[in-house]
C-alpha atoms as a PDB file:
ATOM      1  CA  MET A   1     125.645 233.351  40.534  1.00  0.00           C
ATOM      2  CA  ALA A   2     122.363 234.247  39.248  1.00  0.00           C
ATOM      3  CA  LEU A   3     119.462 232.665  40.786  1.00  0.00           C
ATOM      4  CA  LEU A   4     117.670 232.011  37.764  1.00  0.00           C
ATOM      5  CA  GLU A   5     119.581 231.687  34.322  1.00  0.00           C
ATOM      6  CA  VAL A   6     117.619 231.178  30.984  1.00  0.00           C
ATOM      7  CA  LYS A   7     119.669 230.201  28.217  1.00  0.00           C
ATOM      8  CA  ASN A   8     118.689 229.787  24.646  1.00  0.00           C
ATOM      9  CA  LEU A   9     115.137 228.416  25.838  1.00  0.00           C
ATOM     10  CA  GLY A  10     113.047 227.205  23.216  1.00  0.00           C
ATOM     11  CA  ILE A  11     109.650 224.910  22.681  1.00  0.00           C
ATOM     12  CA  SER A  12     108.411 223.519  19.320  1.00  0.00           C
ATOM     13  CA  PHE A  13     104.931 222.308  19.213  1.00  0.00           C
ATOM     14  CA  GLY A  14     105.048 220.628  15.786  1.00  0.00           C
ATOM     15  CA  GLY A  15     106.673 223.093  13.064  1.00  0.00           C
ATOM     16  CA  LEU A  16     105.267 225.856  15.556  1.00  0.00           C
ATOM     17  CA  GLN A  17     108.496 227.673  17.400  1.00  0.00           C
ATOM     18  CA  ALA A  18     106.321 229.161  20.562  1.00  0.00           C
ATOM     19  CA  VAL A  19     109.867 230.289  22.092  1.00  0.00           C
ATOM     20  CA  GLN A  20     112.940 230.785  20.898  1.00  0.00           C
ATOM     21  CA  GLY A  21     116.127 231.860  21.860  1.00  0.00           C
ATOM     22  CA  LEU A  22     114.480 233.288  25.445  1.00  0.00           C
ATOM     23  CA  ASN A  23     117.551 234.659  27.711  1.00  0.00           C
ATOM     24  CA  MET A  24     117.292 235.840  31.155  1.00  0.00           C
ATOM     25  CA  SER A  25     119.429 235.785  34.415  1.00  0.00           C
ATOM     26  CA  ILE A  26     117.458 237.043  37.548  1.00  0.00           C
ATOM     27  CA  GLU A  27     119.054 237.543  40.836  1.00  0.00           C
ATOM     28  CA  SER A  28     117.610 237.100  44.442  1.00  0.00           C
ATOM     29  CA  GLY A  29     115.109 240.093  45.532  1.00  0.00           C
ATOM     30  CA  HIS A  30     114.877 241.212  41.675  1.00  0.00           C
ATOM     31  CA  LEU A  31     111.737 242.359  39.990  1.00  0.00           C
ATOM     32  CA  TYR A  32     111.657 241.402  36.660  1.00  0.00           C
ATOM     33  CA  GLY A  33     109.113 241.665  33.991  1.00  0.00           C
ATOM     34  CA  LEU A  34     108.117 239.333  31.276  1.00  0.00           C
ATOM     35  CA  ILE A  35     105.930 241.069  28.317  1.00  0.00           C
ATOM     36  CA  GLY A  36     104.388 240.994  24.929  1.00  0.00           C
ATOM     37  CA  PRO A  37     100.734 241.101  23.139  1.00  0.00           C
ATOM     38  CA  ASN A  38      99.215 237.606  22.456  1.00  0.00           C
ATOM     39  CA  GLY A  39     100.736 235.062  21.231  1.00  0.00           C
ATOM     40  CA  ALA A  40     103.641 235.989  22.097  1.00  0.00           C
ATOM     41  CA  GLY A  41     104.940 232.825  24.759  1.00  0.00           C
ATOM     42  CA  LYS A  42     105.064 234.662  27.865  1.00  0.00           C
ATOM     43  CA  THR A  43     102.871 232.053  29.406  1.00  0.00           C
ATOM     44  CA  THR A  44     104.778 228.974  27.537  1.00  0.00           C
ATOM     45  CA  ALA A  45     107.829 230.092  28.889  1.00  0.00           C
ATOM     46  CA  PHE A  46     106.831 230.193  32.520  1.00  0.00           C
ATOM     47  CA  ASN A  47     104.891 226.457  31.558  1.00  0.00           C
ATOM     48  CA  MET A  48     108.780 225.903  30.729  1.00  0.00           C
ATOM     49  CA  LEU A  49     110.019 227.247  34.182  1.00  0.00           C
ATOM     50  CA  THR A  50     107.827 225.433  36.378  1.00  0.00           C
ATOM     51  CA  GLY A  51     107.663 221.907  34.691  1.00  0.00           C
ATOM     52  CA  MET A  52     104.697 221.853  32.883  1.00  0.00           C
ATOM     53  CA  TYR A  53     106.532 221.723  29.591  1.00  0.00           C
ATOM     54  CA  THR A  54     109.505 219.977  28.341  1.00  0.00           C
ATOM     55  CA  PRO A  55     111.771 222.494  26.686  1.00  0.00           C
ATOM     56  CA  THR A  56     113.082 221.261  23.404  1.00  0.00           C
ATOM     57  CA  GLU A  57     116.300 223.088  23.512  1.00  0.00           C
ATOM     58  CA  GLY A  58     117.992 225.501  26.152  1.00  0.00           C
ATOM     59  CA  ILE A  59     118.896 225.190  29.396  1.00  0.00           C
ATOM     60  CA  ILE A  60     117.348 226.409  32.764  1.00  0.00           C
ATOM     61  CA  THR A  61     119.426 226.746  35.864  1.00  0.00           C
ATOM     62  CA  PHE A  62     118.017 227.266  39.388  1.00  0.00           C
ATOM     63  CA  ASP A  63     119.868 228.060  42.740  1.00  0.00           C
ATOM     64  CA  GLY A  64     122.951 226.678  40.645  1.00  0.00           C
ATOM     65  CA  VAL A  65     121.540 223.490  39.506  1.00  0.00           C
ATOM     66  CA  ASN A  66     120.004 222.339  36.171  1.00  0.00           C
ATOM     67  CA  ILE A  67     116.652 222.144  36.051  1.00  0.00           C
ATOM     68  CA  THR A  68     115.783 221.541  32.478  1.00  0.00           C
ATOM     69  CA  GLY A  69     113.023 219.369  31.566  1.00  0.00           C
ATOM     70  CA  LYS A  70     112.051 218.697  35.526  1.00  0.00           C
ATOM     71  CA  GLY A  71     108.622 217.973  36.648  1.00  0.00           C
ATOM     72  CA  PRO A  72     106.533 220.502  38.407  1.00  0.00           C
ATOM     73  CA  GLU A  73     106.980 218.709  41.906  1.00  0.00           C
ATOM     74  CA  TYR A  74     110.469 218.893  41.723  1.00  0.00           C
ATOM     75  CA  ILE A  75     110.561 222.388  40.742  1.00  0.00           C
ATOM     76  CA  SER A  76     108.263 223.026  43.334  1.00  0.00           C
ATOM     77  CA  LYS A  77     110.579 221.749  45.850  1.00  0.00           C
ATOM     78  CA  ALA A  78     113.540 223.505  44.662  1.00  0.00           C
ATOM     79  CA  GLY A  79     111.502 226.746  45.358  1.00  0.00           C
ATOM     80  CA  ILE A  80     109.868 227.992  42.579  1.00  0.00           C
ATOM     81  CA  ALA A  81     105.839 228.829  42.776  1.00  0.00           C
ATOM     82  CA  ARG A  82     103.435 230.511  40.320  1.00  0.00           C
ATOM     83  CA  THR A  83     100.001 232.331  40.178  1.00  0.00           C
ATOM     84  CA  PHE A  84      97.776 231.759  37.435  1.00  0.00           C
ATOM     85  CA  GLN A  85      96.455 234.251  34.520  1.00  0.00           C
ATOM     86  CA  ASN A  86      93.042 232.667  35.711  1.00  0.00           C
ATOM     87  CA  ILE A  87      92.701 232.443  39.568  1.00  0.00           C
ATOM     88  CA  ARG A  88      92.781 229.047  40.583  1.00  0.00           C
ATOM     89  CA  LEU A  89      91.230 228.190  43.996  1.00  0.00           C
ATOM     90  CA  PHE A  90      89.484 225.934  46.078  1.00  0.00           C
ATOM     91  CA  ASN A  91      86.320 227.802  46.125  1.00  0.00           C
ATOM     92  CA  ALA A  92      84.389 225.556  48.685  1.00  0.00           C
ATOM     93  CA  MET A  93      87.086 225.616  50.906  1.00  0.00           C
ATOM     94  CA  SER A  94      88.118 228.103  53.684  1.00  0.00           C
ATOM     95  CA  VAL A  95      90.757 231.100  53.280  1.00  0.00           C
ATOM     96  CA  LEU A  96      92.862 229.749  55.520  1.00  0.00           C
ATOM     97  CA  ASP A  97      92.951 225.643  53.862  1.00  0.00           C
ATOM     98  CA  ASN A  98      93.411 227.089  50.925  1.00  0.00           C
ATOM     99  CA  VAL A  99      97.031 228.999  51.858  1.00  0.00           C
ATOM    100  CA  LYS A 100      97.940 225.461  53.741  1.00  0.00           C
ATOM    101  CA  VAL A 101      97.329 223.841  50.331  1.00  0.00           C
ATOM    102  CA  GLY A 102     100.328 225.663  49.379  1.00  0.00           C
ATOM    103  CA  MET A 103     102.390 223.968  52.535  1.00  0.00           C
ATOM    104  CA  HIS A 104     101.941 220.395  50.874  1.00  0.00           C
ATOM    105  CA  ASN A 105     105.952 219.541  49.899  1.00  0.00           C
ATOM    106  CA  ARG A 106     106.677 220.574  52.969  1.00  0.00           C
ATOM    107  CA  VAL A 107     104.321 218.379  54.881  1.00  0.00           C
ATOM    108  CA  THR A 108     106.305 215.553  57.386  1.00  0.00           C
ATOM    109  CA  TYR A 109     103.779 213.620  59.063  1.00  0.00           C
ATOM    110  CA  SER A 110     102.479 210.420  57.003  1.00  0.00           C
ATOM    111  CA  MET A 111      98.979 209.565  56.312  1.00  0.00           C
ATOM    112  CA  LEU A 112      98.719 207.434  59.189  1.00  0.00           C
ATOM    113  CA  ASP A 113      99.420 210.014  61.368  1.00  0.00           C
ATOM    114  CA  GLY A 114      96.763 211.918  59.943  1.00  0.00           C
ATOM    115  CA  VAL A 115      94.261 209.056  60.358  1.00  0.00           C
ATOM    116  CA  LEU A 116      95.543 208.707  64.079  1.00  0.00           C
ATOM    117  CA  ARG A 117      95.520 212.441  65.000  1.00  0.00           C
ATOM    118  CA  THR A 118      98.882 211.816  66.402  1.00  0.00           C
ATOM    119  CA  LYS A 119     101.112 214.185  68.465  1.00  0.00           C
ATOM    120  CA  LYS A 120     103.109 214.956  65.343  1.00  0.00           C
ATOM    121  CA  TYR A 121     100.302 215.657  63.230  1.00  0.00           C
ATOM    122  CA  ARG A 122      98.524 217.671  65.742  1.00  0.00           C
ATOM    123  CA  ASP A 123     102.088 219.978  66.119  1.00  0.00           C
ATOM    124  CA  LYS A 124     102.385 220.254  62.458  1.00  0.00           C
ATOM    125  CA  GLU A 125      98.988 221.479  61.684  1.00  0.00           C
ATOM    126  CA  ALA A 126      99.057 224.013  64.620  1.00  0.00           C
ATOM    127  CA  GLU A 127     102.566 225.052  62.927  1.00  0.00           C
ATOM    128  CA  MET A 128     100.964 225.308  59.625  1.00  0.00           C
ATOM    129  CA  ASN A 129      97.903 226.668  61.140  1.00  0.00           C
ATOM    130  CA  GLU A 130     100.080 229.713  62.377  1.00  0.00           C
ATOM    131  CA  LYS A 131     102.173 230.361  59.186  1.00  0.00           C
ATOM    132  CA  ALA A 132      99.250 230.505  57.387  1.00  0.00           C
ATOM    133  CA  ARG A 133      97.602 233.280  59.486  1.00  0.00           C
ATOM    134  CA  ARG A 134     100.603 235.199  59.513  1.00  0.00           C
ATOM    135  CA  LEU A 135     100.643 234.945  55.938  1.00  0.00           C
ATOM    136  CA  LEU A 136      97.217 236.263  55.479  1.00  0.00           C
ATOM    137  CA  ASP A 137      97.578 239.130  58.296  1.00  0.00           C
ATOM    138  CA  VAL A 138     100.388 240.168  55.762  1.00  0.00           C
ATOM    139  CA  PHE A 139      97.917 240.095  52.502  1.00  0.00           C
ATOM    140  CA  GLY A 140      95.588 242.293  55.160  1.00  0.00           C
ATOM    141  CA  ILE A 141      92.832 239.188  54.832  1.00  0.00           C
ATOM    142  CA  GLY A 142      93.842 237.490  57.909  1.00  0.00           C
ATOM    143  CA  ASP A 143      90.098 238.535  59.420  1.00  0.00           C
ATOM    144  CA  LYS A 144      89.003 236.327  56.410  1.00  0.00           C
ATOM    145  CA  ALA A 145      90.761 233.344  57.251  1.00  0.00           C
ATOM    146  CA  ASP A 146      87.686 231.383  57.803  1.00  0.00           C
ATOM    147  CA  TYR A 147      85.420 232.431  55.236  1.00  0.00           C
ATOM    148  CA  ALA A 148      85.041 230.660  51.966  1.00  0.00           C
ATOM    149  CA  ALA A 149      87.160 231.507  49.228  1.00  0.00           C
ATOM    150  CA  SER A 150      84.431 232.128  47.230  1.00  0.00           C
ATOM    151  CA  GLN A 151      83.224 234.789  49.824  1.00  0.00           C
ATOM    152  CA  LEU A 152      85.889 236.994  48.996  1.00  0.00           C
ATOM    153  CA  PRO A 153      85.990 239.892  46.491  1.00  0.00           C
ATOM    154  CA  TYR A 154      87.754 239.542  43.401  1.00  0.00           C
ATOM    155  CA  GLY A 155      91.320 241.604  44.130  1.00  0.00           C
ATOM    156  CA  GLN A 156      91.571 239.422  47.850  1.00  0.00           C
ATOM    157  CA  GLN A 157      90.897 236.299  45.943  1.00  0.00           C
ATOM    158  CA  ARG A 158      94.392 237.462  43.834  1.00  0.00           C
ATOM    159  CA  LYS A 159      95.996 238.498  47.151  1.00  0.00           C
ATOM    160  CA  LEU A 160      95.042 234.946  48.582  1.00  0.00           C
ATOM    161  CA  GLU A 161      96.455 233.038  45.311  1.00  0.00           C
ATOM    162  CA  ILE A 162      99.590 234.889  45.725  1.00  0.00           C
ATOM    163  CA  CYS A 163      99.226 234.003  49.677  1.00  0.00           C
ATOM    164  CA  ARG A 164      99.057 230.298  49.014  1.00  0.00           C
ATOM    165  CA  ALA A 165     102.172 230.366  46.478  1.00  0.00           C
ATOM    166  CA  LEU A 166     104.139 232.204  48.836  1.00  0.00           C
ATOM    167  CA  ALA A 167     102.951 229.439  51.212  1.00  0.00           C
ATOM    168  CA  SER A 168     105.234 227.017  50.136  1.00  0.00           C
ATOM    169  CA  ASP A 169     108.660 229.342  50.992  1.00  0.00           C
ATOM    170  CA  PRO A 170     109.485 230.177  47.097  1.00  0.00           C
ATOM    171  CA  LYS A 171     113.273 231.473  46.462  1.00  0.00           C
ATOM    172  CA  LEU A 172     111.390 232.895  43.329  1.00  0.00           C
ATOM    173  CA  LEU A 173     107.735 233.804  42.674  1.00  0.00           C
ATOM    174  CA  LEU A 174     105.974 233.955  39.232  1.00  0.00           C
ATOM    175  CA  LEU A 175     102.966 235.817  38.915  1.00  0.00           C
ATOM    176  CA  ASP A 176     100.944 235.367  35.527  1.00  0.00           C
ATOM    177  CA  GLU A 177      99.099 238.500  34.758  1.00  0.00           C
ATOM    178  CA  PRO A 178      98.480 239.472  38.538  1.00  0.00           C
ATOM    179  CA  ALA A 179      96.270 242.703  37.906  1.00  0.00           C
ATOM    180  CA  ALA A 180      94.499 241.124  35.396  1.00  0.00           C
ATOM    181  CA  GLY A 181      90.640 242.248  36.022  1.00  0.00           C
ATOM    182  CA  MET A 182      91.690 244.700  39.281  1.00  0.00           C
ATOM    183  CA  ASN A 183      90.437 248.375  39.168  1.00  0.00           C
ATOM    184  CA  PRO A 184      92.741 250.935  39.328  1.00  0.00           C
ATOM    185  CA  ASN A 185      92.550 251.019  43.253  1.00  0.00           C
ATOM    186  CA  GLU A 186      93.007 247.505  43.507  1.00  0.00           C
ATOM    187  CA  THR A 187      96.104 247.601  40.901  1.00  0.00           C
ATOM    188  CA  GLN A 188      97.724 250.172  42.806  1.00  0.00           C
ATOM    189  CA  GLU A 189      97.408 248.231  45.869  1.00  0.00           C
ATOM    190  CA  LEU A 190      98.526 245.257  44.410  1.00  0.00           C
ATOM    191  CA  MET A 191     101.688 247.010  43.143  1.00  0.00           C
ATOM    192  CA  GLU A 192     102.231 247.639  46.792  1.00  0.00           C
ATOM    193  CA  THR A 193     101.543 243.762  47.950  1.00  0.00           C
ATOM    194  CA  VAL A 194     104.000 242.470  45.140  1.00  0.00           C
ATOM    195  CA  ARG A 195     106.944 245.305  46.626  1.00  0.00           C
ATOM    196  CA  LYS A 196     106.067 244.114  50.205  1.00  0.00           C
ATOM    197  CA  VAL A 197     106.410 240.364  49.240  1.00  0.00           C
ATOM    198  CA  ARG A 198     109.990 241.002  47.933  1.00  0.00           C
ATOM    199  CA  ASP A 199     110.803 243.312  50.458  1.00  0.00           C
ATOM    200  CA  ASP A 200     109.644 241.381  53.481  1.00  0.00           C
ATOM    201  CA  PHE A 201     110.441 237.532  51.777  1.00  0.00           C
ATOM    202  CA  GLY A 202     113.604 238.607  49.838  1.00  0.00           C
ATOM    203  CA  ILE A 203     112.114 236.742  47.238  1.00  0.00           C
ATOM    204  CA  ALA A 204     112.785 237.315  43.377  1.00  0.00           C
ATOM    205  CA  ILE A 205     109.766 237.758  41.413  1.00  0.00           C
ATOM    206  CA  LEU A 206     109.152 237.129  37.752  1.00  0.00           C
ATOM    207  CA  LEU A 207     105.910 238.741  36.416  1.00  0.00           C
ATOM    208  CA  ILE A 208     103.910 238.452  33.638  1.00  0.00           C
ATOM    209  CA  GLU A 209     101.311 241.335  33.065  1.00  0.00           C
ATOM    210  CA  HIS A 210      99.387 242.737  30.240  1.00  0.00           C
ATOM    211  CA  ASP A 211      98.776 246.219  32.533  1.00  0.00           C
ATOM    212  CA  MET A 212     101.970 248.001  31.471  1.00  0.00           C
ATOM    213  CA  LYS A 213     101.650 250.905  33.654  1.00  0.00           C
ATOM    214  CA  PHE A 214     101.845 248.274  36.467  1.00  0.00           C
ATOM    215  CA  VAL A 215     105.177 246.479  34.772  1.00  0.00           C
ATOM    216  CA  MET A 216     106.757 249.865  34.181  1.00  0.00           C
ATOM    217  CA  GLY A 217     105.901 250.894  37.872  1.00  0.00           C
ATOM    218  CA  ILE A 218     107.112 247.962  39.561  1.00  0.00           C
ATOM    219  CA  CYS A 219     110.007 246.117  37.246  1.00  0.00           C
ATOM    220  CA  GLU A 220     113.534 246.825  37.515  1.00  0.00           C
ATOM    221  CA  GLU A 221     114.431 244.725  33.992  1.00  0.00           C
ATOM    222  CA  ILE A 222     112.258 243.792  31.752  1.00  0.00           C
ATOM    223  CA  THR A 223     112.174 241.282  28.324  1.00  0.00           C
ATOM    224  CA  VAL A 224     109.676 241.780  25.671  1.00  0.00           C
ATOM    225  CA  LEU A 225     108.957 239.077  23.395  1.00  0.00           C
ATOM    226  CA  GLU A 226     107.060 238.781  19.759  1.00  0.00           C
ATOM    227  CA  TYR A 227     106.132 235.389  18.720  1.00  0.00           C
ATOM    228  CA  GLY A 228     108.187 233.734  21.059  1.00  0.00           C
ATOM    229  CA  LYS A 229     111.456 235.728  20.314  1.00  0.00           C
ATOM    230  CA  THR A 230     112.947 238.300  22.337  1.00  0.00           C
ATOM    231  CA  ILE A 231     112.761 241.733  20.834  1.00  0.00           C
ATOM    232  CA  ALA A 232     113.801 244.435  23.473  1.00  0.00           C
ATOM    233  CA  HIS A 233     115.907 243.908  27.230  1.00  0.00           C
ATOM    234  CA  GLY A 234     116.424 246.518  29.773  1.00  0.00           C
ATOM    235  CA  ASP A 235     115.054 248.771  32.364  1.00  0.00           C
ATOM    236  CA  PRO A 236     111.488 250.458  32.251  1.00  0.00           C
ATOM    237  CA  GLN A 237     113.141 253.235  30.479  1.00  0.00           C
ATOM    238  CA  THR A 238     114.777 251.997  27.707  1.00  0.00           C
ATOM    239  CA  VAL A 239     111.823 249.051  27.077  1.00  0.00           C
ATOM    240  CA  SER A 240     109.078 251.851  27.112  1.00  0.00           C
ATOM    241  CA  ASN A 241     111.016 254.385  24.598  1.00  0.00           C
ATOM    242  CA  ASP A 242     111.928 251.885  22.324  1.00  0.00           C
ATOM    243  CA  PRO A 243     109.837 252.177  18.899  1.00  0.00           C
ATOM    244  CA  GLU A 244     109.435 248.688  18.394  1.00  0.00           C
ATOM    245  CA  VAL A 245     108.220 248.233  21.814  1.00  0.00           C
ATOM    246  CA  ILE A 246     105.911 250.927  21.507  1.00  0.00           C
ATOM    247  CA  ALA A 247     104.377 250.099  18.008  1.00  0.00           C
ATOM    248  CA  ALA A 248     103.945 246.633  18.853  1.00  0.00           C
ATOM    249  CA  TYR A 249     103.174 246.318  22.322  1.00  0.00           C
ATOM    250  CA  LEU A 250     102.347 249.253  24.552  1.00  0.00           C
ATOM    251  CA  GLY A 251      99.780 250.294  21.808  1.00  0.00           C
ATOM    252  CA  GLY A 252      98.214 246.987  21.243  1.00  0.00           C
ATOM    253  CA  ASP A 253      96.444 244.240  23.071  1.00  0.00           C
ATOM    254  CA  ASP A 254      98.728 242.543  25.639  1.00  0.00           C
ATOM    255  CA  GLU A 255      97.425 239.461  26.833  1.00  0.00           C
ATOM    256  CA  ASP A 256      98.645 235.265  26.405  1.00  0.00           C
END
């Protein structure tokens, strides 16, 4: 059974069919790409998978459970985490606390425990701090734990956002244009980081990305959208050699 199964997924906004007939099957540990030009529906698809939008047709099955139309909190607890096209960090908070925010759905102490600083609270906070520092070390920014998030350079802010998403212990991680705004060296380092995340954490990764070198160099399977419809699907070589993909995407501006 696939970890994520998307069948005939679609959504309309008024008379506009933003996504139509989307099908994907993603196994555990899979690196999967979703690409397409401006307005193709990539981020809209992400928003349906994470409960921000409710599909008007189709079914989303995750880990054997129908999650179609479920809200973001339910889907997060089920094991799907995401990053965003525009970095969304708490800039005034420390790097460490930003990661701990990602653990909100795993907090087991009550508000009263927090107010009274009970043993349960102290033990859980110590556990969360240790886990957050381990995650930061994986991304090579453990020495920045006490910095304000705003003090990190752009590439490290991207890493921090991925780190925070991983803090929720997901089975599937959705990355929305993770290489956006990065220079070639940062992009290459990010590719290695994404592979390491997949290998070390054993999770599936679905990513949107406009950097075709990044997508073709890291993804094992790719779906290509145009105006909300799938026009190509397959491994990187198959997709990169598809004449329609070459004409419509690889030679154009690919942002959602």
